[in-house]
Amino acid sequence: MTAPQPAAGSPPVVLAITGASGTLYAVRLLRALLAADRQVHLTISPSGAAVIQQELGVEISLSQFAAVPLLSHQPAWSTRPPSEPSATELSRLHYHHYQDFMTPIASGSFLTAGMVICPCSGSTLAGIAHASSSNLIQRAAEVHLKERRKLIVVPRETPLSTLALENMHRLSLAGGVVLPAMPGWYHGAQSLDDLVDFIVARILDQLGIDNRLISRWGEALTQRSDDSVGTDQSSLEELT
């Protein structure tokens, strides 16, 4: 299979959503990546779709995926004004069925800036750590490890079993980044939105994508009227 290469500009990012709690992190991250002018290759496991419906009330069809309901989701507690993705943002999103091994992201010849599994379930983590991929998500993760590209997993389980810790250790030794969904408070968090943004900002940092979703340690805490994610040319204001 000859994999099509990404268009000129920044390489695309692979995002996988699996069956752990914390799907709102993934939705916020997806909006941030699209706002940063990044092409995003998205895949969702069946358990991921089930958790999305449980936590967000959004029903996902894995065979006939519709992006707008997911990207437009706004929690009742959020202080941000609701918004829908633009046509330009939607054009940057490429969806792949979790069982389709013929997609570009299953091949190491398809160049990417990295892959994020957010949230990352324990079974997904185990499959990657033991190189026993059974779906596209695990295969794409193994591709990123073997090609020495950035792989970021975002587990949310607590407490952690010894086996889960061992799998994280194996993944870290193989070059992966284990970034648990453990938001900090030092950035002047005043809302649940701020706690979500803390994790999303740290993921973007790992991908090398400029962002100002949080105040950095040592910086003066500022009142943010909007959120922004930088691009190579400019900053995109009012990311919601």
Protein backbone atom coordinates (compact mmCIF):
# COMPACT_ATOMS: atom_id res chain seq x y z
CA MET A 1 0.00 0.00 0.00
CA THR A 2 1.31 3.42 -0.95
CA ALA A 3 0.14 5.86 1.71
CA PRO A 4 -0.87 9.36 0.56
CA GLN A 5 1.34 12.01 2.08
CA PRO A 6 0.01 15.00 4.03
CA ALA A 7 -0.39 18.30 2.26
CA ALA A 8 2.31 20.92 2.44
CA GLY A 9 2.64 22.56 5.86
CA SER A 10 2.74 21.10 9.33
CA PRO A 11 2.44 17.30 9.48
CA PRO A 12 -0.92 15.94 10.63
CA VAL A 13 -1.72 14.63 14.10
CA VAL A 14 -3.37 11.29 14.83
CA LEU A 15 -5.99 11.32 17.60
CA ALA A 16 -7.59 8.19 19.02
CA ILE A 17 -10.43 8.11 21.55
CA THR A 18 -10.75 4.91 23.57
CA GLY A 19 -12.96 3.63 26.36
CA ALA A 20 -11.72 5.49 29.42
CA SER A 21 -13.41 8.32 31.23
CA GLY A 22 -12.43 11.84 30.18
CA THR A 23 -13.72 12.08 26.61
CA LEU A 24 -14.23 15.82 27.07
CA TYR A 25 -10.43 16.21 27.02
CA ALA A 26 -10.43 14.64 23.57
CA VAL A 27 -13.15 16.93 22.22
CA ARG A 28 -11.37 20.03 23.50
CA LEU A 29 -8.06 18.77 22.10
CA LEU A 30 -9.64 18.07 18.72
CA ARG A 31 -11.05 21.60 18.53
CA ALA A 32 -7.66 23.03 19.54
CA LEU A 33 -5.80 21.03 16.89
CA LEU A 34 -8.22 22.04 14.14
CA ALA A 35 -8.02 25.69 15.25
CA ALA A 36 -4.23 25.42 15.01
CA ASP A 37 -4.52 24.62 11.29
CA ARG A 38 -3.56 20.98 11.83
CA GLN A 39 -4.87 18.11 9.78
CA VAL A 40 -6.23 15.55 12.24
CA HIS A 41 -6.72 11.84 11.60
CA LEU A 42 -9.34 10.65 14.08
CA THR A 43 -10.30 7.12 15.08
CA ILE A 44 -12.62 5.97 17.86
CA SER A 45 -12.99 2.56 19.48
CA PRO A 46 -16.42 1.08 20.25
CA SER A 47 -15.80 1.57 23.97
CA GLY A 48 -14.73 5.14 23.23
CA ALA A 49 -18.03 5.77 21.46
CA ALA A 50 -19.92 4.23 24.40
CA VAL A 51 -18.13 6.50 26.89
CA ILE A 52 -18.79 9.55 24.69
CA GLN A 53 -22.51 8.76 24.81
CA GLN A 54 -22.39 8.14 28.57
CA GLU A 55 -20.40 11.27 29.47
CA LEU A 56 -21.40 13.75 26.78
CA GLY A 57 -24.77 12.49 25.64
CA VAL A 58 -23.56 12.41 22.03
CA GLU A 59 -24.33 9.29 20.02
CA ILE A 60 -21.52 8.27 17.68
CA SER A 61 -21.90 6.03 14.64
CA LEU A 62 -18.56 4.40 13.93
CA SER A 63 -19.63 3.37 10.43
CA GLN A 64 -21.21 6.72 9.49
CA PHE A 65 -19.32 9.22 11.61
CA ALA A 66 -20.70 12.75 11.87
CA ALA A 67 -18.23 15.24 13.34
CA VAL A 68 -20.44 18.27 14.02
CA PRO A 69 -22.45 16.87 16.99
CA LEU A 70 -19.24 15.84 18.74
CA LEU A 71 -17.31 19.03 18.01
CA SER A 72 -20.28 21.22 18.95
CA HIS A 73 -20.81 19.60 22.34
CA GLN A 74 -20.88 22.09 25.20
CA PRO A 75 -21.16 20.89 28.82
CA ALA A 76 -23.90 22.52 30.86
CA TRP A 77 -21.29 23.75 33.35
CA SER A 78 -19.05 25.39 30.77
CA THR A 79 -18.69 29.16 30.81
CA ARG A 80 -17.66 29.32 27.16
CA PRO A 81 -20.14 30.50 24.54
CA PRO A 82 -21.32 27.60 22.36
CA SER A 83 -19.89 27.35 18.86
CA GLU A 84 -19.83 25.02 15.88
CA PRO A 85 -16.74 24.11 13.87
CA SER A 86 -16.22 26.06 10.67
CA ALA A 87 -16.27 24.41 7.27
CA THR A 88 -12.52 24.99 7.07
CA GLU A 89 -11.93 23.19 10.35
CA LEU A 90 -14.12 20.28 9.28
CA SER A 91 -12.13 19.96 6.06
CA ARG A 92 -9.01 19.27 8.16
CA LEU A 93 -10.62 16.32 9.94
CA HIS A 94 -10.18 12.80 8.52
CA TYR A 95 -12.04 9.95 10.19
CA HIS A 96 -10.93 6.29 10.07
CA HIS A 97 -12.89 3.26 11.25
CA TYR A 98 -11.09 1.47 14.06
CA GLN A 99 -11.00 -1.79 12.07
CA ASP A 100 -9.72 -0.32 8.80
CA PHE A 101 -6.08 -1.34 8.53
CA MET A 102 -5.85 0.06 4.99
CA THR A 103 -5.89 3.69 6.14
CA PRO A 104 -2.75 5.87 5.90
CA ILE A 105 -2.16 5.96 9.66
CA ALA A 106 -1.56 2.19 9.68
CA SER A 107 1.63 2.72 7.67
CA GLY A 108 4.96 4.09 8.80
CA SER A 109 5.40 5.70 5.39
CA PHE A 110 2.63 8.17 6.24
CA LEU A 111 4.37 11.07 7.98
CA THR A 112 2.81 12.60 11.09
CA ALA A 113 3.73 15.00 13.87
CA GLY A 114 2.65 12.45 16.45
CA MET A 115 -0.24 10.49 17.88
CA VAL A 116 -2.39 11.09 20.95
CA ILE A 117 -4.63 8.50 22.59
CA CYS A 118 -6.97 10.54 24.75
CA PRO A 119 -8.33 9.12 26.89
CA CYS A 120 -6.38 5.87 26.85
CA SER A 121 -8.05 2.78 28.26
CA GLY A 122 -6.18 0.09 30.15
CA SER A 123 -6.80 -2.51 27.44
CA THR A 124 -5.48 -0.16 24.75
CA LEU A 125 -2.40 0.56 26.84
CA ALA A 126 -1.80 -3.16 27.38
CA GLY A 127 -2.17 -3.96 23.69
CA ILE A 128 0.41 -1.32 22.75
CA ALA A 129 2.83 -2.17 25.56
CA HIS A 130 2.88 -5.82 24.51
CA ALA A 131 2.91 -5.20 20.74
CA SER A 132 -0.30 -7.20 20.29
CA SER A 133 -2.39 -4.80 18.25
CA SER A 134 -5.95 -5.90 17.51
CA ASN A 135 -7.32 -2.72 15.92
CA LEU A 136 -6.24 0.36 14.00
CA ILE A 137 -5.64 2.39 17.15
CA GLN A 138 -3.12 -0.04 18.56
CA ARG A 139 -1.54 -0.57 15.14
CA ALA A 140 -1.09 3.18 14.60
CA ALA A 141 0.43 3.50 18.07
CA GLU A 142 2.92 0.72 17.32
CA VAL A 143 3.79 2.48 14.04
CA HIS A 144 4.62 5.67 15.92
CA LEU A 145 6.85 3.76 18.33
CA LYS A 146 8.73 1.88 15.64
CA GLU A 147 9.20 5.06 13.59
CA ARG A 148 10.41 6.90 16.72
CA ARG A 149 7.64 9.47 16.47
CA LYS A 150 5.82 11.08 19.35
CA LEU A 151 3.20 8.86 20.98
CA ILE A 152 1.24 10.36 23.86
CA VAL A 153 -1.18 8.31 25.94
CA VAL A 154 -3.56 9.96 28.40
CA PRO A 155 -4.76 7.43 30.99
CA ARG A 156 -7.33 8.48 33.58
CA GLU A 157 -7.76 5.36 35.71
CA THR A 158 -7.38 5.65 39.48
CA PRO A 159 -6.07 3.92 41.49
CA LEU A 160 -3.56 2.22 39.23
CA SER A 161 -2.86 -1.50 39.47
CA THR A 162 0.67 -2.88 39.42
CA LEU A 163 -0.02 -4.32 35.96
CA ALA A 164 -1.16 -0.94 34.62
CA LEU A 165 1.95 0.70 36.06
CA GLU A 166 4.12 -1.96 34.45
CA ASN A 167 2.46 -1.34 31.08
CA MET A 168 3.08 2.39 31.43
CA HIS A 169 6.70 1.66 32.28
CA ARG A 170 7.09 -0.56 29.21
CA LEU A 171 5.54 2.12 27.01
CA SER A 172 7.80 4.81 28.44
CA LEU A 173 10.88 2.64 27.86
CA ALA A 174 9.75 2.17 24.25
CA GLY A 175 9.67 5.95 23.75
CA GLY A 176 6.05 6.79 24.53
CA VAL A 177 4.92 9.68 26.70
CA VAL A 178 2.55 8.82 29.55
CA LEU A 179 0.55 11.96 30.31
CA PRO A 180 -2.12 11.15 32.91
CA ALA A 181 -5.22 13.31 33.09
CA MET A 182 -4.07 14.95 36.33
CA PRO A 183 -4.84 18.68 36.07
CA GLY A 184 -2.85 21.13 38.15
CA TRP A 185 -4.16 24.13 40.03
CA TYR A 186 -1.19 26.53 39.96
CA HIS A 187 -2.37 28.24 36.78
CA GLY A 188 -5.16 30.04 38.58
CA ALA A 189 -7.92 27.59 37.79
CA GLN A 190 -11.33 29.15 38.36
CA SER A 191 -13.58 26.73 36.49
CA LEU A 192 -13.83 23.19 35.18
CA ASP A 193 -12.98 24.62 31.75
CA ASP A 194 -9.59 25.67 33.15
CA LEU A 195 -8.89 22.16 34.44
CA VAL A 196 -9.70 20.64 31.06
CA ASP A 197 -7.48 23.21 29.37
CA PHE A 198 -4.57 22.32 31.64
CA ILE A 199 -4.42 18.79 30.25
CA VAL A 200 -5.05 19.88 26.67
CA ALA A 201 -2.30 22.50 26.92
CA ARG A 202 0.21 19.93 28.18
CA ILE A 203 -0.66 17.62 25.27
CA LEU A 204 -0.20 20.47 22.80
CA ASP A 205 3.14 21.25 24.45
CA GLN A 206 4.28 17.68 23.82
CA LEU A 207 3.31 18.05 20.16
CA GLY A 208 5.22 21.33 19.91
CA ILE A 209 2.08 23.34 19.15
CA ASP A 210 2.15 26.87 20.54
CA ASN A 211 -0.79 27.62 22.81
CA ARG A 212 -1.87 29.97 25.55
CA LEU A 213 -4.64 27.90 27.09
CA ILE A 214 -3.09 28.24 30.55
CA SER A 215 -0.83 30.60 32.45
CA ARG A 216 2.67 29.13 32.72
CA TRP A 217 4.51 28.55 35.98
CA GLY A 218 6.29 31.74 36.98
CA GLU A 219 4.14 33.92 34.73
CA ALA A 220 1.72 36.43 36.15
CA LEU A 221 -1.79 35.03 36.28
CA THR A 222 -3.87 36.92 33.78
CA GLN A 223 -7.58 37.31 33.20
CA ARG A 224 -8.29 35.48 29.96
CA SER A 225 -11.26 36.69 27.97
CA ASP A 226 -10.58 34.05 25.31
CA ASP A 227 -8.37 31.10 24.53
CA SER A 228 -5.86 30.93 21.74
CA VAL A 229 -3.76 28.36 19.97
CA GLY A 230 -0.89 29.62 17.88
CA THR A 231 -0.03 28.72 14.32
CA ASP A 232 3.14 29.42 12.39
CA GLN A 233 1.57 32.55 10.93
CA SER A 234 -0.79 33.91 13.56
CA SER A 235 -2.82 33.19 16.65
CA LEU A 236 -6.39 32.00 16.41
CA GLU A 237 -8.52 33.85 18.90
CA GLU A 238 -11.66 32.72 20.70
CA LEU A 239 -11.19 28.99 20.49
CA THR A 240 -14.34 27.59 22.09
